[in-house]
Structure formats: structure tokens, C-alpha cells
Amino acid sequence: MAPSATWTVADLEPLVGKTFLVTGGNLGVGFECALHLARRGASVVIGCRSAARGGEAVTRIQAALGGADVTPGGFVSVTTVDMSDLSSVKAAANSLCGRAHTELHGLILNAGVMMLPRSLTVDGQEVQMATNHLGHFALTGLLLPPFAAAAPAARVVCVSSPAHRRCTDLALDGWTLATGDTPMGAYARSKAADLRFVRALARRLAAAGSPVVAVAAQPGWALTALVDKASPDAWTALFLTVLKPCLSHSAEGGACPLLYAATEADVVADQYWGPSFLQSKGPPAAASSRAGLVLSDEAAAALWAKSEEVTGVSYLG
């Protein structure tokens, strides 16, 4: 195992016989995760809202599986899922549980939206919280059976962001953010929810005696379409423009902390992996800082209860 301080995708160990699901695996950091897992011999399922876009990603990955530095056995497929739509999440989970493979060794909860104007989903949920947290909360619970069957222990990697530090309140009593929030504020709230979710999930898995490991990761400032689609306020946009040249890195670089968290032996439950340089770029490190808001077990339990209420999915109770 290469040390994390120098770790790149080239250091991924062979993953033949293992199955991973990567939500949002059709582009950006998610695509790089799916690509490099498949290149190391894993069976990878890409979760994508569009079957056409997912198919395009599959074609691109398949074309990259013939090189001399590729571990044989890699395979990639797509499952259609809209993480903001709970009926779509539940349908995708049912489909995945019914497929030929009965084990799931890794779930990278990567799909997300960023700094969008407020809108509500078909379920009446604020769109960023629905996509970035609620859909992934439900999907994880619905996929516990194939996780439990996996050997060695499976991993759940939930993708957060340093932006979570800008959240001061998860607004459990003002859940849909009807008034008084901004695109950045709603995004930060959803990413804080991701970290609270991992904390609660890790403790519930341990209490149940499950070998599944729940861990958080963040890609740093990866140059992807997610940033291009954002609608930041003027000050945030100026900040991003000024710092981008010195603090950003590629989508492949952004995938490294996620891949490390999903595969390496020294990863332990409830860690938070991210880039080593100012949490923005560089090789993986388990040193990404968390705001006090997400470190309370009581607060994590409150979010868990709210997530169960809203999604109708209960597990590890």
C-alpha cells in the first residue's frame, strides 16, 4: 500500500471480484472514480439520472479498459436514478438488489448539485438537501442486504465539502428553507448533513455489529461541471475566480480522496478524507477539518430521525 501522502490512482490495488456503485458516476469526480475502479478490475455500476448520459460514460470507460496497465476483469454498467426523487431511488435500489451480483463492496455517494436557486423536488423537498443527502440516506438503507453479504468489509463513502463549515443550523424546524437562505447557504447545509449522516451511520453500524465501514470524503476544488452549473452570489463568484488558479486541481485529483477512502486498508469509520493542501488539492489525507456543528452525536441522531421521517426509509434502529 502506497502512503497517502504520495497516493495517486496508479496506486489502486487490484479489485477483481468487487462491485462498486458510484452515484453521479457519469461525469466529473464520479466518472473518474468509476473509470479507475473499473481499470483495476472491479465491476462498477454508474448511477445517473439519464440513461443516455450514463451509456455515454459506460462507452468511454469500456474504451479505456484495453490498455497494458489495466487489470483484467473490469466491467461497467449503468442504473438510472434521480437522487432528488425518492421513488426513483427506491426503484433503483430494488433493481440493484435483484441483479445477479449479491454483494456490494463499495458505495460512493457522489451525486450532487451545488449552489442552485431554491426549488422543491417532486417530493416537496428543498432540492440541494434532497439530492445531496436525502436520496443517499435512503439508498444506503435500501442497499444494506448486499453490503452485509460483502467480504471483506464493505465501504460507504459519503461525499461532503469544506463548504459545510458555512452552515450554522440544519434548520430541522424550517426544513424546506421557505425564507431567508441563499444558494450557498442551502448547499452548505446539505454538505453538513452529509457529515452528520456519516457520523450517525458509523455508530449505528458499530452498535449492530456490522463490518461495514462508513466514512466521509471530499474532493477539494476539482474542476468539474458541478462548479460550472452553480449560481453563487457575487462575492462567492469573485472569491472562486481569484483563488481558482492556485487552489484547484483536476477531476482525477479530486477522485483520489474518494477512491482512497473506498479501498485502502488504513481507513477507519467516521474519518473525513480530503486533499492534503488546504483541503483544496493534493494527495489524500485524513485531516479535513469538521465544524463543531457536525460533531455532536445528539445532533446526528436528530438528523437521522428527520431523514427517516422524510424518506420513509428506516434502518439500523
Foldseek 3Di string as FASTA:
>chain_A
DDDLQADALLPFAQDAPAEEEQEVCLWFLNVLLLLSNLQSQYEYEYEEQDQVSQVVSQVVSVVVNPDPSGHPNGHYYYDHAQQLDLVRLLVSLVVVCPDPQLAHQEYELPDFAAADFFDADPLRATRRLSRQPLSVLQNVLSNVRNQQVDPPHHEYEREAAPLLQVEDDLPLVPGRCPDDDGSSRSNSSSRLLSLLQQVLVQVLCVVVVGSHAYEYEYLAAADIVSVVPHDDDPVVVVVCVVCVVPQADHSSQSNQQVNCCRGPDVHGHSFYWAADPVSHGHGIDSDDDDDPCNPDNVNSVVSLVSSCVSSVRDDSD
